[in-house]
C-alpha atoms as a PDB file:
ATOM      1  CA  MET A   1     -11.872 -34.497  56.519  1.00  0.00           C
ATOM      2  CA  MET A   2     -15.328 -33.750  57.952  1.00  0.00           C
ATOM      3  CA  THR A   3     -17.397 -31.252  56.222  1.00  0.00           C
ATOM      4  CA  GLY A   4     -20.285 -29.737  57.695  1.00  0.00           C
ATOM      5  CA  THR A   5     -20.470 -28.565  61.542  1.00  0.00           C
ATOM      6  CA  GLU A   6     -18.374 -30.349  63.668  1.00  0.00           C
ATOM      7  CA  LEU A   7     -18.088 -30.616  67.585  1.00  0.00           C
ATOM      8  CA  ALA A   8     -15.108 -31.940  69.642  1.00  0.00           C
ATOM      9  CA  VAL A   9     -16.229 -34.103  72.734  1.00  0.00           C
ATOM     10  CA  ALA A  10     -13.810 -35.819  75.204  1.00  0.00           C
ATOM     11  CA  GLY A  11     -13.644 -39.486  74.881  1.00  0.00           C
ATOM     12  CA  MET A  12     -11.859 -41.886  76.897  1.00  0.00           C
ATOM     13  CA  GLY A  13      -9.516 -44.100  75.733  1.00  0.00           C
ATOM     14  CA  SER A  14      -9.041 -47.664  76.476  1.00  0.00           C
ATOM     15  CA  VAL A  15      -6.029 -47.371  78.638  1.00  0.00           C
ATOM     16  CA  GLY A  16      -7.937 -44.176  80.580  1.00  0.00           C
ATOM     17  CA  THR A  17      -6.626 -41.401  78.586  1.00  0.00           C
ATOM     18  CA  LYS A  18      -8.684 -38.568  77.342  1.00  0.00           C
ATOM     19  CA  SER A  19      -9.121 -37.815  73.650  1.00  0.00           C
ATOM     20  CA  LEU A  20     -10.844 -35.597  71.638  1.00  0.00           C
ATOM     21  CA  ASP A  21     -12.992 -36.989  68.925  1.00  0.00           C
ATOM     22  CA  LEU A  22     -15.245 -34.885  66.244  1.00  0.00           C
ATOM     23  CA  VAL A  23     -19.001 -35.685  66.371  1.00  0.00           C
ATOM     24  CA  LYS A  24     -21.057 -34.382  62.837  1.00  0.00           C
ATOM     25  CA  THR A  25     -23.857 -32.299  64.224  1.00  0.00           C
ATOM     26  CA  SER A  26     -26.617 -30.934  62.550  1.00  0.00           C
ATOM     27  CA  PRO A  27     -27.082 -26.632  62.318  1.00  0.00           C
ATOM     28  CA  GLY A  28     -29.750 -25.818  65.135  1.00  0.00           C
ATOM     29  CA  ALA A  29     -32.489 -23.893  63.456  1.00  0.00           C
ATOM     30  CA  PRO A  30     -34.427 -21.757  65.315  1.00  0.00           C
ATOM     31  CA  TRP A  31     -37.435 -23.397  66.743  1.00  0.00           C
ATOM     32  CA  MET A  32     -39.591 -20.130  65.732  1.00  0.00           C
ATOM     33  CA  THR A  33     -38.976 -17.219  63.394  1.00  0.00           C
ATOM     34  CA  ARG A  34     -41.889 -15.072  63.738  1.00  0.00           C
ATOM     35  CA  ILE A  35     -43.815 -14.596  66.917  1.00  0.00           C
ATOM     36  CA  GLU A  36     -46.858 -15.185  65.108  1.00  0.00           C
ATOM     37  CA  GLU A  37     -46.055 -18.996  64.705  1.00  0.00           C
ATOM     38  CA  HIS A  38     -45.971 -19.365  68.368  1.00  0.00           C
ATOM     39  CA  PRO A  39     -48.833 -21.861  69.347  1.00  0.00           C
ATOM     40  CA  SER A  40     -49.881 -19.377  72.088  1.00  0.00           C
ATOM     41  CA  TRP A  41     -50.007 -16.124  69.745  1.00  0.00           C
ATOM     42  CA  GLU A  42     -53.886 -15.805  69.559  1.00  0.00           C
ATOM     43  CA  THR A  43     -53.702 -15.189  73.372  1.00  0.00           C
ATOM     44  CA  LEU A  44     -50.447 -13.547  73.502  1.00  0.00           C
ATOM     45  CA  SER A  45     -51.713 -11.105  70.836  1.00  0.00           C
ATOM     46  CA  GLN A  46     -54.369  -9.758  73.236  1.00  0.00           C
ATOM     47  CA  LEU A  47     -51.948  -8.998  76.294  1.00  0.00           C
ATOM     48  CA  ARG A  48     -51.608  -5.229  77.136  1.00  0.00           C
ATOM     49  CA  ILE A  49     -48.199  -4.487  78.799  1.00  0.00           C
ATOM     50  CA  THR A  50     -46.241  -1.631  79.181  1.00  0.00           C
ATOM     51  CA  MET A  51     -42.896  -1.746  77.498  1.00  0.00           C
ATOM     52  CA  ARG A  52     -40.018   0.577  78.231  1.00  0.00           C
ATOM     53  CA  VAL A  53     -36.945   1.394  76.247  1.00  0.00           C
ATOM     54  CA  GLY A  54     -33.928   3.277  77.917  1.00  0.00           C
ATOM     55  CA  VAL A  55     -31.646   5.180  75.427  1.00  0.00           C
ATOM     56  CA  PRO A  56     -28.795   7.083  77.759  1.00  0.00           C
ATOM     57  CA  LEU A  57     -28.196  10.756  76.395  1.00  0.00           C
ATOM     58  CA  THR A  58     -24.853  12.394  77.114  1.00  0.00           C
ATOM     59  CA  GLY A  59     -25.194  15.723  78.740  1.00  0.00           C
ATOM     60  CA  PHE A  60     -28.834  16.035  78.577  1.00  0.00           C
ATOM     61  CA  ARG A  61     -30.477  17.788  81.061  1.00  0.00           C
ATOM     62  CA  VAL A  62     -33.989  19.067  82.740  1.00  0.00           C
ATOM     63  CA  ARG A  63     -33.342  22.137  80.827  1.00  0.00           C
ATOM     64  CA  ASP A  64     -32.761  20.384  77.901  1.00  0.00           C
ATOM     65  CA  VAL A  65     -36.195  18.752  77.949  1.00  0.00           C
ATOM     66  CA  LEU A  66     -37.847  22.389  78.987  1.00  0.00           C
ATOM     67  CA  THR A  67     -36.565  23.801  75.659  1.00  0.00           C
ATOM     68  CA  LEU A  68     -36.973  20.910  73.217  1.00  0.00           C
ATOM     69  CA  LYS A  69     -37.418  21.931  69.956  1.00  0.00           C
ATOM     70  CA  VAL A  70     -38.606  20.062  66.530  1.00  0.00           C
ATOM     71  CA  GLY A  71     -35.788  18.431  64.749  1.00  0.00           C
ATOM     72  CA  GLN A  72     -33.437  18.964  67.744  1.00  0.00           C
ATOM     73  CA  VAL A  73     -30.679  16.180  67.843  1.00  0.00           C
ATOM     74  CA  PHE A  74     -28.979  14.659  70.826  1.00  0.00           C
ATOM     75  CA  GLU A  75     -26.168  12.411  71.079  1.00  0.00           C
ATOM     76  CA  SER A  76     -26.372   8.839  72.532  1.00  0.00           C
ATOM     77  CA  GLY A  77     -24.228   7.407  75.136  1.00  0.00           C
ATOM     78  CA  SER A  78     -24.611   4.048  73.199  1.00  0.00           C
ATOM     79  CA  PRO A  79     -23.335   3.133  69.413  1.00  0.00           C
ATOM     80  CA  GLU A  80     -26.176   3.593  66.932  1.00  0.00           C
ATOM     81  CA  THR A  81     -25.715  -0.246  65.977  1.00  0.00           C
ATOM     82  CA  GLU A  82     -26.188  -1.506  69.109  1.00  0.00           C
ATOM     83  CA  ASP A  83     -29.332  -2.881  70.188  1.00  0.00           C
ATOM     84  CA  VAL A  84     -31.054  -1.485  73.193  1.00  0.00           C
ATOM     85  CA  PRO A  85     -32.824  -3.318  76.367  1.00  0.00           C
ATOM     86  CA  LEU A  86     -36.805  -3.894  76.164  1.00  0.00           C
ATOM     87  CA  MET A  87     -38.017  -3.911  79.640  1.00  0.00           C
ATOM     88  CA  VAL A  88     -41.388  -4.926  81.047  1.00  0.00           C
ATOM     89  CA  GLY A  89     -41.791  -3.726  84.481  1.00  0.00           C
ATOM     90  CA  GLN A  90     -38.712  -4.791  86.112  1.00  0.00           C
ATOM     91  CA  VAL A  91     -38.078  -7.624  83.697  1.00  0.00           C
ATOM     92  CA  GLN A  92     -35.767  -7.269  80.649  1.00  0.00           C
ATOM     93  CA  LEU A  93     -38.013  -9.113  77.700  1.00  0.00           C
ATOM     94  CA  GLY A  94     -35.090  -8.732  75.113  1.00  0.00           C
ATOM     95  CA  TRP A  95     -33.303  -6.549  72.734  1.00  0.00           C
ATOM     96  CA  SER A  96     -34.844  -4.019  70.285  1.00  0.00           C
ATOM     97  CA  GLU A  97     -33.794  -1.264  67.675  1.00  0.00           C
ATOM     98  CA  PHE A  98     -35.444   1.918  66.509  1.00  0.00           C
ATOM     99  CA  GLU A  99     -36.684   2.213  62.932  1.00  0.00           C
ATOM    100  CA  VAL A 100     -38.482   4.737  60.845  1.00  0.00           C
ATOM    101  CA  VAL A 101     -41.473   3.701  59.027  1.00  0.00           C
ATOM    102  CA  ASP A 102     -43.130   6.299  57.207  1.00  0.00           C
ATOM    103  CA  GLN A 103     -41.826   9.325  59.610  1.00  0.00           C
ATOM    104  CA  ARG A 104     -43.191   7.337  62.434  1.00  0.00           C
ATOM    105  CA  LEU A 105     -40.408   5.730  65.159  1.00  0.00           C
ATOM    106  CA  GLY A 106     -41.132   2.476  65.970  1.00  0.00           C
ATOM    107  CA  LEU A 107     -39.211  -0.416  67.970  1.00  0.00           C
ATOM    108  CA  ARG A 108     -38.701  -3.819  66.358  1.00  0.00           C
ATOM    109  CA  LEU A 109     -37.548  -6.976  68.880  1.00  0.00           C
ATOM    110  CA  THR A 110     -34.487  -8.378  67.684  1.00  0.00           C
ATOM    111  CA  ARG A 111     -34.079 -11.103  70.372  1.00  0.00           C
ATOM    112  CA  LEU A 112     -35.328 -12.423  73.463  1.00  0.00           C
ATOM    113  CA  GLY A 113     -33.702 -11.749  76.859  1.00  0.00           C
END
């Protein structure tokens, strides 16, 4: 019995028949856990870009924008547990989630696209 991560690979038997052999592999660690660890972070942190996040709103109309009030809530077209796409120009940079910190709305990059 093998323990740990196992990978099934196709192998050729002595008579030309294929068989599946289990090969032990080590779990892959992420190459970088924080963006600040990237070798080019000093340069990257100075870039000025406009990022865009869109959340589909069901039944939202122009007149709703004109009559917005503080604390008003609209229903989103996507589940609250689902990450939203983060765009830079026409390119999807990754996925993000909204977070409230000290009564301010923030955006956290959850994974790169």
